[in-house]
């Protein structure tokens, strides 16, 4: 499962894969979302596990601990 990063904003669905599918090289995780400017997350805010695809865009949940990633981040 490929690693990815998502926008932390509840109303933004920006996602980026962290590996170039053609070259196989790492993609740098942006600090801010290019769509809305919010923080970009690549780790679960609850358990610290790397986010992996596929993630549900409406309810992104961690594949390890099952928490709703965006809701938990917003609550912090």
Protein backbone atom coordinates (compact mmCIF):
# COMPACT_ATOMS: atom_id res chain seq x y z
CA UNK A 1 0.00 0.00 0.00
CA UNK A 2 1.50 3.35 -1.01
CA UNK A 3 2.02 6.08 1.57
CA UNK A 4 0.19 9.35 1.16
CA UNK A 5 -0.42 12.74 2.71
CA UNK A 6 -3.77 14.50 3.07
CA UNK A 7 -4.95 18.01 3.85
CA UNK A 8 -6.00 18.43 7.48
CA UNK A 9 -8.95 20.73 6.66
CA UNK A 10 -12.32 19.05 7.08
CA UNK A 11 -13.71 20.56 3.86
CA UNK A 12 -10.69 19.92 1.59
CA UNK A 13 -10.04 16.61 -0.19
CA UNK A 14 -6.42 17.19 -1.30
CA UNK A 15 -4.29 14.03 -1.27
CA UNK A 16 -0.82 13.34 -2.63
CA UNK A 17 1.00 10.05 -3.03
CA UNK A 18 4.43 10.05 -1.41
CA UNK A 19 6.07 7.93 -4.10
CA UNK A 20 6.38 8.76 -7.79
CA UNK A 21 4.60 5.86 -9.54
CA UNK A 22 6.85 6.03 -12.61
CA UNK A 23 10.29 6.64 -11.11
CA UNK A 24 9.67 4.96 -7.77
CA UNK A 25 11.32 7.85 -5.94
CA UNK A 26 10.04 9.61 -2.84
CA UNK A 27 7.86 12.68 -3.20
CA UNK A 28 8.48 15.47 -0.69
CA UNK A 29 5.50 15.99 1.62
CA UNK A 30 4.28 19.57 1.33
CA UNK A 31 3.90 21.42 4.64
CA UNK A 32 0.81 23.29 3.46
CA UNK A 33 -2.04 22.24 1.20
CA UNK A 34 -1.70 23.84 -2.24
CA UNK A 35 -5.51 24.05 -2.46
CA UNK A 36 -6.41 25.76 0.83
CA UNK A 37 -3.20 26.44 2.78
CA UNK A 38 -3.98 24.13 5.73
CA UNK A 39 -1.45 21.76 7.30
CA UNK A 40 -0.78 18.51 5.41
CA UNK A 41 -0.73 15.25 7.38
CA UNK A 42 1.26 12.13 6.52
CA UNK A 43 0.99 10.45 9.94
CA UNK A 44 -2.03 9.54 12.04
CA UNK A 45 -2.46 12.19 14.79
CA UNK A 46 -3.52 9.46 17.22
CA UNK A 47 -0.98 6.65 16.84
CA UNK A 48 1.69 8.12 14.52
CA UNK A 49 1.25 5.39 11.86
CA UNK A 50 2.07 6.36 8.27
CA UNK A 51 -1.07 7.12 6.24
CA UNK A 52 -1.56 4.60 3.45
CA UNK A 53 -4.00 4.49 0.57
CA UNK A 54 -6.73 3.99 -0.15
CA UNK A 55 -8.37 6.49 2.22
CA UNK A 56 -12.03 7.43 2.14
CA UNK A 57 -12.08 11.15 1.25
CA UNK A 58 -15.19 11.86 3.37
CA UNK A 59 -14.15 9.82 6.43
CA UNK A 60 -10.38 9.17 6.30
CA UNK A 61 -9.53 6.63 8.97
CA UNK A 62 -6.18 5.28 10.11
CA UNK A 63 -5.56 1.73 8.93
CA UNK A 64 -3.88 0.88 12.25
CA UNK A 65 -5.96 2.45 15.05
CA UNK A 66 -9.14 3.27 13.11
CA UNK A 67 -9.47 6.89 14.24
CA UNK A 68 -10.98 9.53 11.95
CA UNK A 69 -7.80 11.41 11.01
CA UNK A 70 -9.28 14.81 10.13
CA UNK A 71 -11.78 14.91 12.99
CA UNK A 72 -9.12 14.05 15.55
CA UNK A 73 -6.68 16.61 14.13
CA UNK A 74 -9.40 19.30 14.21
CA UNK A 75 -10.12 18.47 17.86
CA UNK A 76 -6.46 18.89 18.81
